[in-house]
Amino acid sequence: MSLIELRGIKKRIGEEEILKGIDLRIERGEFVSVVGASGSGKSSLLYIMGLLDKPTEGEVYFEGKKINFLDEKELSYIRNAKIGFVFQFHYLLPEFNLLENVMLPALRLGMEKELAQERAYELLRRLGLGGKEKRKIYQISGGEMQRTAIARALMNKPAVLLADEPTGNLDSKNTMKVMEIFQEINAEGTTIVMVTHELELAKLTKRVVEMRDGRIVREYSP
């Protein structure tokens, strides 16, 4: 049973067809990169995969169960409990410190504050942010912000981590640091799907899905 399966996915916005019939399976433990030029539909595909957007046509299956996009309660639960998101922009809350930002997803699911705090400390230490837990967002670098966002995405031990251009705003040193973190996380069993326009980064993943004009044109192992 695939972790995520997309069948005949189409997406239209007005008269424009963004996705033109996508069939794709993501297996547990994979590290998949989705590549393509701007406007190829790769981010739209990721958002549907993450249940942040619904397709115009087609079916999405998560852990073998067909998703009902009209059931907002179920969608919200899966997004919070099963899926971790990392975007190009970190979307950290400036009024909170690093520890509080990382704890938030677990608190939303009802985890006790002490347990959430313990896990958040552990994740921040692991991502090289030990000793900076009480700093506010404006007190850390761009690379540290993105690592904090990754810690937040991992807080609920998601089945899959979805990353949309996660290194787009980082220099080469921090880009490689993020990729090393992703490879470590994947080696421990977390499935990762990453959208990127950088082929050099895609070569560090296990499978590349190449898109063009709303279609998958080829898949290969680097």
Protein backbone atom coordinates (compact mmCIF):
# COMPACT_ATOMS: atom_id res chain seq x y z
CA MET A 1 0.00 0.00 0.00
CA SER A 2 1.41 3.37 -1.05
CA LEU A 3 1.65 6.16 1.49
CA ILE A 4 0.23 8.66 -1.02
CA GLU A 5 -1.42 7.86 -4.33
CA LEU A 6 -2.72 10.34 -6.89
CA ARG A 7 -5.04 9.12 -9.65
CA GLY A 8 -5.95 11.23 -12.65
CA ILE A 9 -5.33 14.52 -10.87
CA LYS A 10 -6.37 17.63 -12.76
CA LYS A 11 -6.39 21.19 -11.48
CA ARG A 12 -7.96 24.15 -13.20
CA ILE A 13 -7.89 27.78 -12.18
CA GLY A 14 -10.42 29.60 -14.32
CA GLU A 15 -9.80 28.54 -17.89
CA GLU A 16 -6.20 27.50 -17.24
CA GLU A 17 -5.43 23.84 -16.62
CA ILE A 18 -2.53 23.68 -14.17
CA LEU A 19 -2.37 19.88 -13.81
CA LYS A 20 -3.39 17.67 -16.74
CA GLY A 21 -3.96 14.18 -15.40
CA ILE A 22 -1.32 13.18 -12.87
CA ASP A 23 -0.84 9.61 -11.70
CA LEU A 24 1.79 9.27 -8.98
CA ARG A 25 2.58 6.98 -6.07
CA ILE A 26 4.78 7.83 -3.11
CA GLU A 27 5.95 4.78 -1.17
CA ARG A 28 6.88 4.75 2.50
CA GLY A 29 10.52 5.62 3.11
CA GLU A 30 11.09 7.30 -0.25
CA PHE A 31 12.91 10.59 -0.79
CA VAL A 32 11.37 12.00 -3.96
CA SER A 33 12.18 15.29 -5.67
CA VAL A 34 9.76 16.98 -8.06
CA VAL A 35 11.53 19.16 -10.61
CA GLY A 36 10.48 21.37 -13.49
CA ALA A 37 10.48 24.93 -14.76
CA SER A 38 8.43 27.65 -13.11
CA GLY A 39 4.79 27.10 -14.04
CA SER A 40 5.18 23.36 -14.64
CA GLY A 41 2.70 22.57 -11.86
CA LYS A 42 5.08 21.09 -9.30
CA SER A 43 3.98 23.26 -6.34
CA SER A 44 0.31 22.76 -7.22
CA LEU A 45 0.93 19.03 -7.17
CA LEU A 46 2.61 19.23 -3.76
CA TYR A 47 -0.25 21.28 -2.28
CA ILE A 48 -2.79 18.69 -3.42
CA MET A 49 -0.57 15.92 -2.06
CA GLY A 50 -0.51 17.75 1.28
CA LEU A 51 -4.30 18.27 1.27
CA LEU A 52 -3.84 22.04 1.25
CA ASP A 53 -5.69 22.29 -2.05
CA LYS A 54 -8.22 20.04 -3.74
CA PRO A 55 -8.09 18.78 -7.32
CA THR A 56 -10.67 19.74 -9.93
CA GLU A 57 -10.74 16.08 -10.98
CA GLY A 58 -9.14 12.88 -9.74
CA GLU A 59 -8.64 11.03 -6.48
CA VAL A 60 -6.12 11.30 -3.66
CA TYR A 61 -5.39 8.37 -1.35
CA PHE A 62 -3.47 8.71 1.92
CA GLU A 63 -2.37 5.50 3.65
CA GLY A 64 -4.77 3.61 1.40
CA LYS A 65 -7.82 5.69 2.27
CA LYS A 66 -9.55 7.88 -0.30
CA ILE A 67 -9.56 11.51 0.81
CA ASN A 68 -12.89 13.30 1.10
CA PHE A 69 -12.03 16.94 0.44
CA LEU A 70 -15.40 18.00 1.86
CA ASP A 71 -14.53 16.62 5.31
CA GLU A 72 -12.54 19.53 6.75
CA LYS A 73 -12.22 17.86 10.15
CA GLU A 74 -10.49 14.83 8.64
CA LEU A 75 -8.32 16.99 6.39
CA SER A 76 -7.19 19.08 9.35
CA TYR A 77 -6.35 16.00 11.41
CA ILE A 78 -4.26 14.40 8.66
CA ARG A 79 -2.43 17.65 7.92
CA ASN A 80 -1.56 18.15 11.60
CA ALA A 81 -0.84 14.57 12.62
CA LYS A 82 0.52 12.90 9.50
CA ILE A 83 2.11 15.57 7.31
CA GLY A 84 4.96 17.98 8.01
CA PHE A 85 5.35 21.05 5.81
CA VAL A 86 8.48 23.07 5.01
CA PHE A 87 8.12 26.02 2.66
CA GLN A 88 10.54 28.43 1.00
CA PHE A 89 9.46 31.05 3.55
CA HIS A 90 9.62 29.76 7.11
CA TYR A 91 6.30 31.22 8.37
CA LEU A 92 7.56 31.28 11.95
CA LEU A 93 5.59 33.44 14.38
CA PRO A 94 7.70 36.46 15.42
CA GLU A 95 5.94 36.92 18.76
CA PHE A 96 7.14 33.48 19.91
CA ASN A 97 10.65 32.18 20.54
CA LEU A 98 12.14 29.18 18.72
CA LEU A 99 11.01 26.67 21.34
CA GLU A 100 7.43 27.94 21.31
CA ASN A 101 7.28 27.93 17.51
CA VAL A 102 8.41 24.31 17.39
CA MET A 103 6.00 23.22 20.15
CA LEU A 104 2.88 24.64 18.48
CA PRO A 105 1.92 21.69 16.23
CA ALA A 106 2.05 19.26 19.17
CA LEU A 107 0.02 21.54 21.42
CA ARG A 108 -2.63 21.78 18.70
CA LEU A 109 -2.94 17.98 18.79
CA GLY A 110 -3.32 18.00 22.56
CA MET A 111 0.14 16.90 23.68
CA GLU A 112 0.96 17.84 27.26
CA LYS A 113 3.06 20.98 27.46
CA GLU A 114 5.97 19.30 29.28
CA LEU A 115 6.21 16.51 26.71
CA ALA A 116 5.97 18.98 23.84
CA GLN A 117 8.70 21.11 25.38
CA GLU A 118 10.97 18.10 25.83
CA ARG A 119 10.58 17.02 22.20
CA ALA A 120 11.04 20.58 20.92
CA TYR A 121 14.30 20.92 22.89
CA GLU A 122 15.48 17.59 21.45
CA LEU A 123 14.70 18.60 17.85
CA LEU A 124 16.32 22.01 18.13
CA ARG A 125 19.46 20.48 19.62
CA ARG A 126 19.57 17.92 16.85
CA LEU A 127 19.32 20.62 14.20
CA GLY A 128 22.21 22.58 15.67
CA LEU A 129 20.14 25.14 17.54
CA GLY A 130 20.86 24.07 21.10
CA GLY A 131 21.27 27.11 23.35
CA LYS A 132 19.17 29.29 21.06
CA GLU A 133 15.76 27.93 22.08
CA LYS A 134 14.65 31.14 23.81
CA ARG A 135 15.69 33.50 21.03
CA LYS A 136 13.11 35.33 18.97
CA ILE A 137 12.99 34.94 15.21
CA TYR A 138 14.69 38.27 14.51
CA GLN A 139 17.69 37.13 16.59
CA ILE A 140 18.67 34.22 14.31
CA SER A 141 19.97 33.84 10.75
CA GLY A 142 18.02 32.76 7.67
CA GLY A 143 19.55 29.29 7.78
CA GLU A 144 18.62 28.95 11.45
CA MET A 145 15.07 30.05 10.67
CA GLN A 146 14.71 27.29 8.09
CA ARG A 147 16.14 24.70 10.46
CA THR A 148 13.62 25.85 13.08
CA ALA A 149 10.86 25.40 10.50
CA ILE A 150 12.10 21.86 9.84
CA ALA A 151 12.05 21.11 13.57
CA ARG A 152 8.46 22.39 13.72
CA ALA A 153 7.51 20.18 10.75
CA LEU A 154 8.95 17.13 12.52
CA MET A 155 7.30 17.85 15.87
CA ASN A 156 4.42 15.39 15.45
CA LYS A 157 6.60 12.66 13.89
CA PRO A 158 4.85 12.92 10.51
CA ALA A 159 4.55 10.03 8.08
CA VAL A 160 5.66 12.36 5.30
CA LEU A 161 7.54 15.64 5.07
CA LEU A 162 6.53 17.86 2.13
CA ALA A 163 9.01 20.58 1.24
CA ASP A 164 8.37 23.33 -1.32
CA GLU A 165 11.65 24.94 -2.45
CA PRO A 166 12.99 24.62 1.12
CA THR A 167 16.43 25.99 0.20
CA GLY A 168 15.22 28.74 -2.13
CA ASN A 169 16.29 31.57 0.19
CA LEU A 170 19.49 29.99 1.52
CA ASP A 171 23.15 30.26 0.58
CA SER A 172 25.05 27.19 -0.59
CA LYS A 173 26.38 26.29 2.88
CA ASN A 174 22.95 26.35 4.50
CA THR A 175 21.42 24.62 1.49
CA MET A 176 23.72 21.64 1.97
CA LYS A 177 23.03 21.64 5.71
CA VAL A 178 19.29 21.35 5.04
CA MET A 179 19.87 18.56 2.51
CA GLU A 180 22.03 16.66 5.01
CA ILE A 181 19.23 16.97 7.59
CA PHE A 182 16.70 15.69 5.07
CA GLN A 183 18.90 12.72 4.19
CA GLU A 184 19.33 11.84 7.87
CA ILE A 185 15.60 12.10 8.53
CA ASN A 186 14.84 9.97 5.48
CA ALA A 187 17.39 7.35 6.53
CA GLU A 188 15.44 7.02 9.80
CA GLY A 189 12.24 6.24 7.89
CA THR A 190 10.47 9.54 7.25
CA THR A 191 9.15 9.84 3.70
CA ILE A 192 10.10 13.13 2.00
CA VAL A 193 8.75 14.79 -1.14
CA MET A 194 10.65 17.93 -2.13
CA VAL A 195 9.87 20.41 -4.87
CA THR A 196 12.98 22.08 -6.25
CA HIS A 197 14.20 23.76 -9.41
CA GLU A 198 17.80 22.84 -8.60
CA LEU A 199 18.81 19.64 -10.37
CA GLU A 200 21.94 19.32 -8.25
CA LEU A 201 19.75 18.98 -5.16
CA ALA A 202 17.40 16.56 -6.92
CA LYS A 203 20.39 14.29 -7.55
CA LEU A 204 20.72 13.87 -3.76
CA THR A 205 17.26 12.25 -3.56
CA LYS A 206 16.27 8.67 -4.40
CA ARG A 207 13.76 9.36 -7.18
CA VAL A 208 13.25 12.35 -9.48
CA VAL A 209 9.84 13.21 -10.93
CA GLU A 210 10.19 15.68 -13.79
CA MET A 211 7.23 17.86 -14.75
CA ARG A 212 6.51 19.98 -17.78
CA ASP A 213 3.33 21.92 -18.60
CA GLY A 214 1.22 20.21 -15.95
CA ARG A 215 2.30 16.67 -16.78
CA ILE A 216 4.88 14.19 -15.51
CA VAL A 217 7.26 13.65 -18.42
CA ARG A 218 9.66 11.20 -16.80
CA GLU A 219 10.76 9.58 -13.56
CA TYR A 220 14.24 8.29 -12.82
CA SER A 221 16.72 7.40 -10.08
CA PRO A 222 19.72 9.77 -10.01
